[in-house]
Amino acid sequence: MKRNKKVLISGISGFLGSYTKELLIKKGYEVYGLSRREEKENIFKTDYSVEDLVSKFENIDGIIHLAGTRSMSEEISYYHQNEIISQNIYEAAKIVGIKYIVYASSISVYSNQENLPWSENVETDPLNMYGVSKLSIESIGKIYSKKYSMYIKSLRFAHLFGYGEDNKYMINVFMDKAFNKEVLNVNDVKGKREFLYVKDAAKAIELALFKEISGIFNIGSNDILTNLEVAKNINKAFNNEDNINIFSNGENMDSSYMNLNKAKTNLAYENEYNFYEALLDIYRYKKK
């Protein structure tokens, strides 16, 4: 009898990790996780050293690497630990013989407005140290894939959103206000951004994990919206229509969106939710 594949997720308790775990269990995988803080059923406590990771990777078929620190810090030293942890994961996987790895990268590696929509072969030019660190970890993955015949996929996710995300990004502030029937104050800048529902990000991870290819893949939704369009969609989905205050303070916002053809061709990825459908799904969570 064929056994279920065993998958280990670093960052399993995080926003994307939680949704990825849920999807993989539904798909019939045995799911394990790594944590710095606690050891409990199917979650291994680790210091992320190569030696310790090797002991945790026994009998694991694939690794999903989501763990990492994010901040507004512009000190590259703040992100070095992410690079070290990533190489240690790849090194331990190489030692144990695990070839299948997915890494969560980001649209933040791009910025050049002349190259929109960004494809994987255009110049990468991050505007912050977080994006620089993502590129660095992608490069580590490329080295391990080439030198050791590993199938490491780095997925450049568009701007993620979903229920349970713990931050003060504009979209989360708007959803909270709309749910409470409050006014949404919207700066009517003209730039557009691509938004990706967290369930579609988890879907992309599952599709990519055991593909016998390596490389960089843009993962998005083709939902490319201005701040005002985001606000109007949220108000409509959350039954808060017309409760909006539009202003302009002269600021500008660059656009941010990608070409998804490579993921469609090589990973068979297409998003399941459009932006409005995702908002309706989030609203159902909030009403529970």
Protein backbone atom coordinates (compact mmCIF):
# COMPACT_ATOMS: atom_id res chain seq x y z
CA MET A 1 0.00 0.00 0.00
CA LYS A 2 1.36 3.40 -1.01
CA ARG A 3 1.93 5.69 1.98
CA ASN A 4 0.92 9.33 2.08
CA LYS A 5 3.71 11.80 1.39
CA LYS A 6 5.19 13.48 4.45
CA VAL A 7 5.62 17.26 4.18
CA LEU A 8 7.35 19.53 6.67
CA ILE A 9 6.55 23.26 6.89
CA SER A 10 8.82 25.85 8.45
CA GLY A 11 6.66 28.72 9.69
CA ILE A 12 3.69 26.38 10.04
CA SER A 13 2.01 28.54 12.71
CA GLY A 14 2.19 31.72 10.60
CA PHE A 15 -0.47 33.23 8.35
CA LEU A 16 0.41 31.38 5.14
CA GLY A 17 1.63 28.31 7.04
CA SER A 18 -1.73 27.77 8.70
CA TYR A 19 -3.63 27.81 5.41
CA THR A 20 -1.02 25.61 3.71
CA LYS A 21 -1.22 23.05 6.51
CA GLU A 22 -5.02 22.96 6.24
CA LEU A 23 -4.94 22.43 2.48
CA LEU A 24 -2.27 19.72 2.60
CA ILE A 25 -4.16 17.74 5.23
CA LYS A 26 -7.29 17.92 3.05
CA LYS A 27 -5.19 16.62 0.13
CA GLY A 28 -4.09 13.60 2.18
CA TYR A 29 -0.53 14.56 3.09
CA GLU A 30 1.01 13.89 6.49
CA VAL A 31 1.98 17.37 7.67
CA TYR A 32 4.71 18.29 10.16
CA GLY A 33 6.12 21.63 11.24
CA LEU A 34 9.10 23.41 12.73
CA SER A 35 8.95 25.85 15.64
CA ARG A 36 11.51 27.74 17.68
CA ARG A 37 9.14 27.97 20.64
CA GLU A 38 7.40 24.70 21.40
CA GLU A 39 7.24 21.02 20.60
CA LYS A 40 3.84 19.40 20.28
CA GLU A 41 2.12 16.83 18.12
CA ASN A 42 3.67 16.85 14.64
CA ILE A 43 5.59 20.07 15.39
CA PHE A 44 9.31 19.79 16.11
CA LYS A 45 11.17 22.36 18.18
CA THR A 46 14.40 23.36 16.47
CA ASP A 47 17.26 25.82 16.68
CA TYR A 48 17.57 25.65 12.86
CA SER A 49 21.14 24.36 12.98
CA VAL A 50 22.05 21.90 10.24
CA GLU A 51 22.69 19.15 12.78
CA ASP A 52 19.30 19.57 14.44
CA LEU A 53 17.44 19.89 11.13
CA VAL A 54 18.97 16.67 9.82
CA SER A 55 17.49 14.83 12.81
CA LYS A 56 14.05 16.35 12.09
CA PHE A 57 14.06 15.63 8.35
CA GLU A 58 14.14 11.83 8.56
CA ASN A 59 11.42 10.22 6.41
CA ILE A 60 10.24 13.63 5.11
CA ASP A 61 9.44 13.76 1.37
CA GLY A 62 9.15 17.51 0.82
CA ILE A 63 9.79 20.81 2.59
CA ILE A 64 7.84 24.07 2.43
CA HIS A 65 10.01 26.91 3.70
CA LEU A 66 7.89 29.83 4.96
CA ALA A 67 9.73 30.83 8.13
CA GLY A 68 11.37 34.23 8.22
CA THR A 69 11.40 37.62 9.85
CA ARG A 70 9.85 40.66 8.22
CA SER A 71 10.21 44.24 9.38
CA MET A 72 10.37 47.82 8.17
CA SER A 73 14.06 47.77 9.10
CA GLU A 74 16.47 49.03 6.47
CA GLU A 75 19.42 47.29 8.11
CA ILE A 76 20.42 44.28 6.01
CA SER A 77 21.87 42.66 9.13
CA TYR A 78 18.30 42.29 10.42
CA TYR A 79 17.61 39.76 7.64
CA HIS A 80 20.85 37.74 7.72
CA GLN A 81 19.27 35.18 10.03
CA ASN A 82 16.68 34.41 7.35
CA GLU A 83 19.48 33.68 4.88
CA ILE A 84 21.33 31.45 7.36
CA ILE A 85 18.19 29.50 8.25
CA SER A 86 17.39 29.02 4.57
CA GLN A 87 20.83 27.66 3.71
CA ASN A 88 20.72 25.39 6.76
CA ILE A 89 17.37 23.98 5.61
CA TYR A 90 18.71 23.35 2.10
CA GLU A 91 21.93 21.85 3.45
CA ALA A 92 20.11 19.52 5.84
CA ALA A 93 17.74 18.50 3.02
CA LYS A 94 20.73 17.73 0.80
CA ILE A 95 22.32 15.57 3.51
CA VAL A 96 19.11 13.61 4.11
CA GLY A 97 18.30 13.33 0.41
CA ILE A 98 15.17 15.52 0.22
CA LYS A 99 14.95 17.03 -3.27
CA TYR A 100 11.57 18.77 -3.20
CA ILE A 101 11.41 22.24 -1.61
CA VAL A 102 9.20 25.30 -2.04
CA TYR A 103 10.35 28.69 -0.76
CA ALA A 104 8.03 31.68 -0.25
CA SER A 105 9.57 34.66 -2.02
CA SER A 106 7.89 37.97 -2.84
CA ILE A 107 6.84 40.48 -5.48
CA SER A 108 9.02 42.93 -3.52
CA VAL A 109 12.04 41.82 -5.57
CA TYR A 110 10.66 43.96 -8.43
CA SER A 111 10.10 47.70 -8.82
CA ASN A 112 10.94 48.95 -12.34
CA GLN A 113 7.76 50.53 -13.71
CA GLU A 114 8.94 50.25 -17.31
CA ASN A 115 8.88 46.43 -17.14
CA LEU A 116 5.27 45.94 -16.00
CA PRO A 117 3.81 43.34 -15.86
CA TRP A 118 6.94 41.82 -14.34
CA SER A 119 8.05 38.44 -15.65
CA GLU A 120 10.64 36.23 -14.02
CA ASN A 121 13.35 37.13 -16.53
CA VAL A 122 13.26 40.93 -16.06
CA GLU A 123 15.73 42.86 -13.96
CA THR A 124 15.14 42.51 -10.23
CA ASP A 125 15.49 45.79 -8.39
CA PRO A 126 14.07 45.70 -4.86
CA LEU A 127 13.46 48.99 -3.08
CA ASN A 128 14.05 47.69 0.45
CA MET A 129 16.26 45.29 2.36
CA TYR A 130 13.43 42.78 2.75
CA GLY A 131 13.36 42.39 -1.04
CA VAL A 132 17.16 42.15 -1.14
CA SER A 133 17.04 39.30 1.39
CA LYS A 134 14.38 37.48 -0.64
CA LEU A 135 16.61 37.66 -3.73
CA SER A 136 19.56 36.39 -1.72
CA ILE A 137 17.62 33.34 -0.55
CA GLU A 138 16.40 32.68 -4.09
CA SER A 139 20.05 32.63 -5.18
CA ILE A 140 20.93 30.13 -2.44
CA GLY A 141 18.14 27.91 -3.74
CA LYS A 142 19.46 28.17 -7.31
CA ILE A 143 22.93 27.06 -6.16
CA TYR A 144 21.59 24.00 -4.34
CA SER A 145 19.33 23.08 -7.26
CA LYS A 146 22.20 23.22 -9.76
CA LYS A 147 24.94 21.65 -7.63
CA TYR A 148 22.91 18.89 -5.99
CA SER A 149 20.08 18.19 -8.48
CA MET A 150 17.42 19.46 -6.08
CA TYR A 151 14.01 20.76 -7.14
CA ILE A 152 13.80 24.05 -5.26
CA LYS A 153 10.98 26.35 -6.38
CA SER A 154 10.97 29.98 -5.20
CA LEU A 155 7.46 31.40 -5.53
CA ARG A 156 7.23 35.19 -5.84
CA PHE A 157 3.86 35.91 -4.25
CA ALA A 158 1.82 39.01 -5.04
CA HIS A 159 0.43 41.04 -2.13
CA LEU A 160 -1.10 38.41 0.16
CA PHE A 161 -4.34 38.94 2.05
CA GLY A 162 -6.84 36.84 3.96
CA TYR A 163 -8.59 36.23 7.24
CA GLY A 164 -6.29 36.08 10.26
CA GLU A 165 -3.43 38.20 8.95
CA ASP A 166 -2.04 40.12 11.90
CA ASN A 167 -0.78 43.46 10.60
CA LYS A 168 -1.95 46.99 9.87
CA TYR A 169 -1.71 46.91 6.09
CA MET A 170 -4.26 49.05 4.28
CA ILE A 171 -6.40 46.12 3.15
CA ASN A 172 -6.72 44.74 6.69
CA VAL A 173 -7.58 48.15 8.12
CA PHE A 174 -10.26 48.58 5.43
CA MET A 175 -11.76 45.15 6.11
CA ASP A 176 -11.95 45.78 9.86
CA LYS A 177 -13.56 49.18 9.36
CA ALA A 178 -16.05 47.90 6.78
CA PHE A 179 -17.03 44.98 9.02
CA ASN A 180 -17.74 47.48 11.82
CA LYS A 181 -19.66 49.75 9.41
CA GLU A 182 -17.12 52.57 9.70
CA VAL A 183 -15.99 55.09 7.09
CA LEU A 184 -13.10 54.04 4.85
CA ASN A 185 -10.68 56.93 4.27
CA VAL A 186 -9.06 56.34 0.89
CA ASN A 187 -6.10 58.18 -0.59
CA ASP A 188 -6.96 58.21 -4.30
CA VAL A 189 -3.52 57.46 -5.71
CA LYS A 190 -3.37 56.05 -9.23
CA GLY A 191 -0.95 53.15 -8.81
CA LYS A 192 -2.31 49.60 -9.00
CA ARG A 193 -1.29 46.51 -7.07
CA GLU A 194 -1.88 42.81 -7.59
CA PHE A 195 -3.56 41.02 -4.69
CA LEU A 196 -3.42 37.28 -3.96
CA TYR A 197 -5.79 35.43 -1.64
CA VAL A 198 -3.90 33.29 0.87
CA LYS A 199 -5.85 30.17 -0.14
CA ASP A 200 -4.59 30.55 -3.70
CA ALA A 201 -1.03 30.98 -2.40
CA ALA A 202 -1.42 27.68 -0.50
CA LYS A 203 -2.78 26.07 -3.68
CA ALA A 204 0.28 27.20 -5.63
CA ILE A 205 2.59 25.75 -2.99
CA GLU A 206 0.88 22.36 -3.14
CA LEU A 207 0.98 22.33 -6.95
CA ALA A 208 4.68 23.24 -7.04
CA LEU A 209 6.09 21.07 -4.27
CA PHE A 210 6.58 17.73 -6.00
CA LYS A 211 7.11 19.03 -9.53
CA GLU A 212 10.49 17.85 -10.83
CA ILE A 213 11.59 21.34 -11.84
CA SER A 214 13.39 24.17 -10.10
CA GLY A 215 13.45 27.94 -10.50
CA ILE A 216 11.51 31.15 -9.93
CA PHE A 217 7.76 31.48 -10.45
CA ASN A 218 5.44 34.47 -10.14
CA ILE A 219 2.26 33.62 -8.26
CA GLY A 220 -0.60 36.12 -8.45
CA SER A 221 -4.22 36.57 -9.40
CA ASN A 222 -4.46 39.12 -12.24
CA ASP A 223 -6.56 41.19 -9.79
CA ILE A 224 -4.80 44.54 -10.22
CA LEU A 225 -6.51 47.33 -8.28
CA THR A 226 -6.13 50.91 -7.11
CA ASN A 227 -6.67 51.77 -3.44
CA LEU A 228 -10.11 53.12 -4.31
CA GLU A 229 -11.07 49.93 -6.16
CA VAL A 230 -9.92 47.89 -3.16
CA ALA A 231 -12.05 49.99 -0.82
CA LYS A 232 -15.16 49.82 -3.02
CA ASN A 233 -14.90 46.04 -3.35
CA ILE A 234 -14.47 45.62 0.41
CA ASN A 235 -17.44 47.87 1.18
CA LYS A 236 -19.61 45.96 -1.28
CA ALA A 237 -18.63 42.53 0.08
CA PHE A 238 -19.00 43.65 3.71
CA ASN A 239 -22.36 45.45 3.22
CA ASN A 240 -20.85 48.86 3.92
CA GLU A 241 -21.46 50.47 0.52
CA ASP A 242 -21.08 54.24 0.03
CA ASN A 243 -19.44 54.59 3.48
CA ILE A 244 -16.27 56.01 2.02
CA ASN A 245 -14.26 59.24 2.16
CA ILE A 246 -11.98 59.90 -0.81
CA PHE A 247 -9.09 62.34 -0.47
CA SER A 248 -5.84 63.14 -2.21
CA ASN A 249 -2.71 64.42 -0.51
CA GLY A 250 -0.61 64.56 -3.65
CA GLU A 251 1.21 61.31 -2.96
CA ASN A 252 1.91 58.79 -5.70
CA MET A 253 2.17 54.99 -5.51
CA ASP A 254 4.03 52.81 -7.99
CA SER A 255 2.16 49.96 -9.58
CA SER A 256 3.02 46.38 -8.69
CA TYR A 257 1.83 43.41 -10.75
CA MET A 258 3.25 40.38 -12.57
CA ASN A 259 3.06 38.14 -15.62
CA LEU A 260 1.86 34.69 -14.49
CA ASN A 261 2.39 32.66 -17.68
CA LYS A 262 5.37 30.68 -16.42
CA ALA A 263 3.47 29.35 -13.37
CA LYS A 264 0.45 28.55 -15.52
CA THR A 265 2.57 26.60 -18.02
CA ASN A 266 4.96 24.82 -15.64
CA LEU A 267 2.94 24.43 -12.44
CA ALA A 268 -0.60 24.29 -13.87
CA TYR A 269 -1.39 27.18 -11.51
CA GLU A 270 -4.44 29.41 -11.88
CA ASN A 271 -6.05 31.28 -9.03
CA GLU A 272 -9.37 29.93 -7.79
CA TYR A 273 -10.64 33.15 -6.19
CA ASN A 274 -10.97 36.58 -7.74
CA PHE A 275 -10.62 39.56 -5.39
CA TYR A 276 -14.33 39.98 -4.68
CA GLU A 277 -14.93 36.25 -4.15
CA ALA A 278 -12.05 36.18 -1.67
CA LEU A 279 -13.57 39.10 0.24
CA LEU A 280 -16.90 37.27 0.50
CA ASP A 281 -15.03 34.26 1.88
CA ILE A 282 -13.25 36.46 4.46
CA TYR A 283 -16.56 38.07 5.44
CA ARG A 284 -17.97 34.62 6.19
CA TYR A 285 -15.01 33.93 8.50
CA LYS A 286 -15.49 37.26 10.27
CA LYS A 287 -19.19 36.59 10.92
CA LYS A 288 -18.51 33.26 12.64
